[in-house]
Amino acid sequence: MTFGLANQASAQKMMTKQKTVMVGGAAMYPTKNIIENAVNSKDHTTLVAAVKAAGLVETLSGKGPFTVFAPTNAAFEKLPAGTVESVLQPENKATLTSILTYHVIARKISSKDLAAWIAKGKGKYTAKTVQGEKLTFTASGKNIYVSDMKGNKAKVTIADVNQSNGVIHVIDTVLMP
């Protein structure tokens, strides 16, 4: 019984320690799911609006585990003028869903895992997204980069934001399938 309590205390201590991750001015709690945390980030209002427009709230609130590469508002602002407004239109829901699910991998992957797989893969690691196409991961120094099939490259700016149903890695560029 004491052993179980010690493990519970240790797990609680780890979760408390993880609560210090700040994204967009808000604490990201490992006890909340991806959506519950994302809605509090001032840096991800465009992403949250897109997830709602695509009807993916329920999915990303689900059990998972998911790894989400979450573009910031600034990442969306780098897209050509009118792109965001266009894909948010109801008639473009399929395109929006494809773009968003291209940022999700159906398992939990830490930055430590990515770094190890990149090293093992001689500088490169690829993973299949929920959308069906692949992302390619590389590293430079201590930074991890993710590239889409079109050659766009995003830097992971905040790694390992743990959630109850996976992990978020904040990125600085929107990836396109």
C-alpha atoms as a PDB file:
ATOM      1  CA  MET A   1       0.000   0.000   0.000  1.00  0.00           C
ATOM      2  CA  THR A   2       2.809   2.399   0.832  1.00  0.00           C
ATOM      3  CA  PHE A   3       4.467   1.605  -2.500  1.00  0.00           C
ATOM      4  CA  GLY A   4       1.278   2.567  -4.360  1.00  0.00           C
ATOM      5  CA  LEU A   5       1.031   5.844  -2.460  1.00  0.00           C
ATOM      6  CA  ALA A   6       4.662   6.624  -3.188  1.00  0.00           C
ATOM      7  CA  ASN A   7       4.040   6.040  -6.906  1.00  0.00           C
ATOM      8  CA  GLN A   8       0.925   8.235  -6.781  1.00  0.00           C
ATOM      9  CA  ALA A   9       2.883  10.994  -5.059  1.00  0.00           C
ATOM     10  CA  SER A  10       5.670  10.665  -7.625  1.00  0.00           C
ATOM     11  CA  ALA A  11       3.186  10.810 -10.525  1.00  0.00           C
ATOM     12  CA  GLN A  12       1.448  13.823  -8.965  1.00  0.00           C
ATOM     13  CA  LYS A  13       4.818  15.545  -8.513  1.00  0.00           C
ATOM     14  CA  MET A  14       5.662  14.941 -12.195  1.00  0.00           C
ATOM     15  CA  MET A  15       2.292  16.329 -13.313  1.00  0.00           C
ATOM     16  CA  THR A  16       2.742  19.378 -11.089  1.00  0.00           C
ATOM     17  CA  LYS A  17       6.193  19.919 -12.595  1.00  0.00           C
ATOM     18  CA  GLN A  18       4.737  19.661 -16.135  1.00  0.00           C
ATOM     19  CA  LYS A  19       2.124  22.341 -15.355  1.00  0.00           C
ATOM     20  CA  THR A  20       4.810  24.998 -15.718  1.00  0.00           C
ATOM     21  CA  VAL A  21       4.774  24.742 -19.537  1.00  0.00           C
ATOM     22  CA  MET A  22       3.375  28.026 -20.803  1.00  0.00           C
ATOM     23  CA  VAL A  23       2.000  28.423 -24.321  1.00  0.00           C
ATOM     24  CA  GLY A  24       0.429  31.629 -25.542  1.00  0.00           C
ATOM     25  CA  GLY A  25       0.409  33.084 -22.041  1.00  0.00           C
ATOM     26  CA  ALA A  26      -1.492  30.149 -20.520  1.00  0.00           C
ATOM     27  CA  ALA A  27      -0.433  27.168 -18.468  1.00  0.00           C
ATOM     28  CA  MET A  28      -0.907  23.889 -20.315  1.00  0.00           C
ATOM     29  CA  TYR A  29      -2.064  21.240 -17.852  1.00  0.00           C
ATOM     30  CA  PRO A  30      -1.144  17.599 -18.514  1.00  0.00           C
ATOM     31  CA  THR A  31      -4.462  16.597 -16.898  1.00  0.00           C
ATOM     32  CA  LYS A  32      -6.453  18.371 -19.654  1.00  0.00           C
ATOM     33  CA  ASN A  33      -6.878  17.212 -23.225  1.00  0.00           C
ATOM     34  CA  ILE A  34      -5.503  18.897 -26.342  1.00  0.00           C
ATOM     35  CA  ILE A  35      -8.611  21.007 -26.959  1.00  0.00           C
ATOM     36  CA  GLU A  36      -9.094  22.003 -23.308  1.00  0.00           C
ATOM     37  CA  ASN A  37      -5.552  23.393 -23.283  1.00  0.00           C
ATOM     38  CA  ALA A  38      -5.406  24.839 -26.808  1.00  0.00           C
ATOM     39  CA  VAL A  39      -8.427  27.102 -26.268  1.00  0.00           C
ATOM     40  CA  ASN A  40      -6.464  28.945 -23.560  1.00  0.00           C
ATOM     41  CA  SER A  41      -3.431  29.763 -25.724  1.00  0.00           C
ATOM     42  CA  LYS A  42      -3.537  33.301 -27.134  1.00  0.00           C
ATOM     43  CA  ASP A  43      -1.030  32.124 -29.772  1.00  0.00           C
ATOM     44  CA  HIS A  44      -3.387  29.465 -31.166  1.00  0.00           C
ATOM     45  CA  THR A  45      -6.724  31.240 -31.715  1.00  0.00           C
ATOM     46  CA  THR A  46      -6.553  30.688 -35.488  1.00  0.00           C
ATOM     47  CA  LEU A  47      -5.784  26.983 -35.029  1.00  0.00           C
ATOM     48  CA  VAL A  48      -8.655  26.591 -32.554  1.00  0.00           C
ATOM     49  CA  ALA A  49     -11.060  28.369 -34.957  1.00  0.00           C
ATOM     50  CA  ALA A  50      -9.897  26.065 -37.757  1.00  0.00           C
ATOM     51  CA  VAL A  51     -10.334  22.930 -35.612  1.00  0.00           C
ATOM     52  CA  LYS A  52     -13.879  24.055 -34.774  1.00  0.00           C
ATOM     53  CA  ALA A  53     -14.687  24.857 -38.431  1.00  0.00           C
ATOM     54  CA  ALA A  54     -13.402  21.422 -39.502  1.00  0.00           C
ATOM     55  CA  GLY A  55     -15.484  19.647 -36.862  1.00  0.00           C
ATOM     56  CA  LEU A  56     -12.406  18.108 -35.208  1.00  0.00           C
ATOM     57  CA  VAL A  57     -13.052  19.240 -31.607  1.00  0.00           C
ATOM     58  CA  GLU A  58     -14.575  15.921 -30.572  1.00  0.00           C
ATOM     59  CA  THR A  59     -11.788  13.921 -32.229  1.00  0.00           C
ATOM     60  CA  LEU A  60      -8.960  15.898 -30.591  1.00  0.00           C
ATOM     61  CA  SER A  61     -10.788  15.761 -27.256  1.00  0.00           C
ATOM     62  CA  GLY A  62     -10.898  11.964 -27.557  1.00  0.00           C
ATOM     63  CA  LYS A  63      -8.732   9.302 -25.989  1.00  0.00           C
ATOM     64  CA  GLY A  64      -5.839   9.500 -28.443  1.00  0.00           C
ATOM     65  CA  PRO A  65      -2.953   9.389 -28.052  1.00  0.00           C
ATOM     66  CA  PHE A  66      -2.165  12.160 -30.511  1.00  0.00           C
ATOM     67  CA  THR A  67       0.917  14.171 -31.337  1.00  0.00           C
ATOM     68  CA  VAL A  68      -0.132  17.569 -32.656  1.00  0.00           C
ATOM     69  CA  PHE A  69       2.233  19.949 -34.410  1.00  0.00           C
ATOM     70  CA  ALA A  70       0.393  23.170 -33.568  1.00  0.00           C
ATOM     71  CA  PRO A  71       1.053  26.204 -35.788  1.00  0.00           C
ATOM     72  CA  THR A  72       0.853  29.570 -34.062  1.00  0.00           C
ATOM     73  CA  ASN A  73      -1.235  32.520 -35.241  1.00  0.00           C
ATOM     74  CA  ALA A  74       2.006  33.977 -36.660  1.00  0.00           C
ATOM     75  CA  ALA A  75       2.475  30.772 -38.685  1.00  0.00           C
ATOM     76  CA  PHE A  76      -0.976  31.188 -40.226  1.00  0.00           C
ATOM     77  CA  GLU A  77      -0.164  34.846 -40.993  1.00  0.00           C
ATOM     78  CA  LYS A  78       2.758  33.661 -43.183  1.00  0.00           C
ATOM     79  CA  LEU A  79       0.300  32.013 -45.598  1.00  0.00           C
ATOM     80  CA  PRO A  80      -0.674  33.925 -48.747  1.00  0.00           C
ATOM     81  CA  ALA A  81      -3.315  36.602 -48.145  1.00  0.00           C
ATOM     82  CA  GLY A  82      -6.839  35.190 -48.018  1.00  0.00           C
ATOM     83  CA  THR A  83      -5.776  31.565 -47.490  1.00  0.00           C
ATOM     84  CA  VAL A  84      -7.055  31.262 -43.919  1.00  0.00           C
ATOM     85  CA  GLU A  85     -10.334  33.009 -44.686  1.00  0.00           C
ATOM     86  CA  SER A  86     -10.814  30.787 -47.735  1.00  0.00           C
ATOM     87  CA  VAL A  87     -10.220  27.437 -46.009  1.00  0.00           C
ATOM     88  CA  LEU A  88     -12.486  28.440 -43.116  1.00  0.00           C
ATOM     89  CA  GLN A  89     -15.466  28.670 -45.506  1.00  0.00           C
ATOM     90  CA  PRO A  90     -17.937  25.756 -45.132  1.00  0.00           C
ATOM     91  CA  GLU A  91     -17.482  24.726 -48.774  1.00  0.00           C
ATOM     92  CA  ASN A  92     -13.748  24.164 -48.093  1.00  0.00           C
ATOM     93  CA  LYS A  93     -14.201  21.951 -45.015  1.00  0.00           C
ATOM     94  CA  ALA A  94     -12.562  18.930 -46.702  1.00  0.00           C
ATOM     95  CA  THR A  95      -9.447  20.961 -47.561  1.00  0.00           C
ATOM     96  CA  LEU A  96      -9.290  22.395 -44.042  1.00  0.00           C
ATOM     97  CA  THR A  97      -9.691  18.937 -42.497  1.00  0.00           C
ATOM     98  CA  SER A  98      -6.886  17.616 -44.714  1.00  0.00           C
ATOM     99  CA  ILE A  99      -4.552  20.445 -43.670  1.00  0.00           C
ATOM    100  CA  LEU A 100      -5.311  20.056 -39.964  1.00  0.00           C
ATOM    101  CA  THR A 101      -5.065  16.253 -39.855  1.00  0.00           C
ATOM    102  CA  TYR A 102      -1.729  16.572 -41.670  1.00  0.00           C
ATOM    103  CA  HIS A 103      -0.470  18.144 -38.404  1.00  0.00           C
ATOM    104  CA  VAL A 104      -1.474  15.101 -36.314  1.00  0.00           C
ATOM    105  CA  ILE A 105       0.189  11.730 -35.764  1.00  0.00           C
ATOM    106  CA  ALA A 106      -1.885   9.006 -34.088  1.00  0.00           C
ATOM    107  CA  ARG A 107       0.508   8.236 -31.240  1.00  0.00           C
ATOM    108  CA  LYS A 108       2.396  10.167 -28.583  1.00  0.00           C
ATOM    109  CA  ILE A 109       5.886  11.196 -29.701  1.00  0.00           C
ATOM    110  CA  SER A 110       8.207  13.181 -27.462  1.00  0.00           C
ATOM    111  CA  SER A 111      10.989  15.421 -28.744  1.00  0.00           C
ATOM    112  CA  LYS A 112      13.435  12.976 -27.150  1.00  0.00           C
ATOM    113  CA  ASP A 113      11.945  10.171 -29.269  1.00  0.00           C
ATOM    114  CA  LEU A 114      12.139  12.324 -32.405  1.00  0.00           C
ATOM    115  CA  ALA A 115      15.774  13.244 -31.731  1.00  0.00           C
ATOM    116  CA  ALA A 116      16.707   9.576 -31.203  1.00  0.00           C
ATOM    117  CA  TRP A 117      14.874   8.460 -34.369  1.00  0.00           C
ATOM    118  CA  ILE A 118      16.459  11.269 -36.400  1.00  0.00           C
ATOM    119  CA  ALA A 119      19.910  10.193 -35.180  1.00  0.00           C
ATOM    120  CA  LYS A 120      19.159   6.529 -35.899  1.00  0.00           C
ATOM    121  CA  GLY A 121      17.858   7.464 -39.373  1.00  0.00           C
ATOM    122  CA  LYS A 122      21.112   9.243 -40.273  1.00  0.00           C
ATOM    123  CA  GLY A 123      19.640  12.715 -39.893  1.00  0.00           C
ATOM    124  CA  LYS A 124      16.054  12.079 -40.963  1.00  0.00           C
ATOM    125  CA  TYR A 125      12.874  10.451 -39.673  1.00  0.00           C
ATOM    126  CA  THR A 126       9.507  10.205 -41.428  1.00  0.00           C
ATOM    127  CA  ALA A 127       6.106   9.538 -39.909  1.00  0.00           C
ATOM    128  CA  LYS A 128       2.651   9.034 -41.400  1.00  0.00           C
ATOM    129  CA  THR A 129       0.028  11.583 -40.357  1.00  0.00           C
ATOM    130  CA  VAL A 130      -3.657  11.031 -39.630  1.00  0.00           C
ATOM    131  CA  GLN A 131      -4.298  12.668 -43.030  1.00  0.00           C
ATOM    132  CA  GLY A 132      -2.324   9.827 -44.668  1.00  0.00           C
ATOM    133  CA  GLU A 133       0.750  11.616 -46.022  1.00  0.00           C
ATOM    134  CA  LYS A 134       4.152  11.796 -44.356  1.00  0.00           C
ATOM    135  CA  LEU A 135       6.077  14.434 -42.447  1.00  0.00           C
ATOM    136  CA  THR A 136       9.885  14.436 -42.356  1.00  0.00           C
ATOM    137  CA  PHE A 137      11.808  15.346 -39.232  1.00  0.00           C
ATOM    138  CA  THR A 138      15.379  16.641 -39.083  1.00  0.00           C
ATOM    139  CA  ALA A 139      17.536  18.304 -36.469  1.00  0.00           C
ATOM    140  CA  SER A 140      20.035  21.125 -36.411  1.00  0.00           C
ATOM    141  CA  GLY A 141      21.843  21.653 -33.143  1.00  0.00           C
ATOM    142  CA  LYS A 142      19.209  21.289 -30.429  1.00  0.00           C
ATOM    143  CA  ASN A 143      16.354  22.277 -32.764  1.00  0.00           C
ATOM    144  CA  ILE A 144      13.919  19.881 -34.385  1.00  0.00           C
ATOM    145  CA  TYR A 145      12.372  20.729 -37.750  1.00  0.00           C
ATOM    146  CA  VAL A 146       9.406  19.168 -39.510  1.00  0.00           C
ATOM    147  CA  SER A 147       8.970  19.361 -43.282  1.00  0.00           C
ATOM    148  CA  ASP A 148       5.895  18.720 -45.368  1.00  0.00           C
ATOM    149  CA  MET A 149       5.683  16.993 -48.755  1.00  0.00           C
ATOM    150  CA  LYS A 150       5.921  20.384 -50.509  1.00  0.00           C
ATOM    151  CA  GLY A 151       9.211  21.311 -48.850  1.00  0.00           C
ATOM    152  CA  ASN A 152       7.852  23.771 -46.268  1.00  0.00           C
ATOM    153  CA  LYS A 153       9.892  23.576 -43.083  1.00  0.00           C
ATOM    154  CA  ALA A 154       8.644  24.360 -39.562  1.00  0.00           C
ATOM    155  CA  LYS A 155      10.755  24.737 -36.444  1.00  0.00           C
ATOM    156  CA  VAL A 156       9.492  23.219 -33.204  1.00  0.00           C
ATOM    157  CA  THR A 157       9.505  26.298 -30.954  1.00  0.00           C
ATOM    158  CA  ILE A 158       7.989  24.693 -27.840  1.00  0.00           C
ATOM    159  CA  ALA A 159       8.342  20.934 -27.470  1.00  0.00           C
ATOM    160  CA  ASP A 160       6.689  18.377 -25.221  1.00  0.00           C
ATOM    161  CA  VAL A 161       3.559  20.168 -24.057  1.00  0.00           C
ATOM    162  CA  ASN A 162       2.018  17.086 -22.477  1.00  0.00           C
ATOM    163  CA  GLN A 163      -1.743  16.546 -22.533  1.00  0.00           C
ATOM    164  CA  SER A 164      -3.994  13.865 -21.074  1.00  0.00           C
ATOM    165  CA  ASN A 165      -4.484  12.471 -24.599  1.00  0.00           C
ATOM    166  CA  GLY A 166      -1.077  13.103 -26.145  1.00  0.00           C
ATOM    167  CA  VAL A 167       1.425  15.876 -26.684  1.00  0.00           C
ATOM    168  CA  ILE A 168       1.610  19.185 -28.520  1.00  0.00           C
ATOM    169  CA  HIS A 169       4.722  20.559 -30.204  1.00  0.00           C
ATOM    170  CA  VAL A 170       4.312  24.221 -31.152  1.00  0.00           C
ATOM    171  CA  ILE A 171       5.597  25.066 -34.660  1.00  0.00           C
ATOM    172  CA  ASP A 172       6.263  28.313 -36.525  1.00  0.00           C
ATOM    173  CA  THR A 173       4.955  27.367 -39.995  1.00  0.00           C
ATOM    174  CA  VAL A 174       1.756  25.792 -41.310  1.00  0.00           C
ATOM    175  CA  LEU A 175       2.458  22.455 -43.028  1.00  0.00           C
ATOM    176  CA  MET A 176       0.641  21.668 -46.278  1.00  0.00           C
ATOM    177  CA  PRO A 177      -0.230  18.218 -47.609  1.00  0.00           C
END
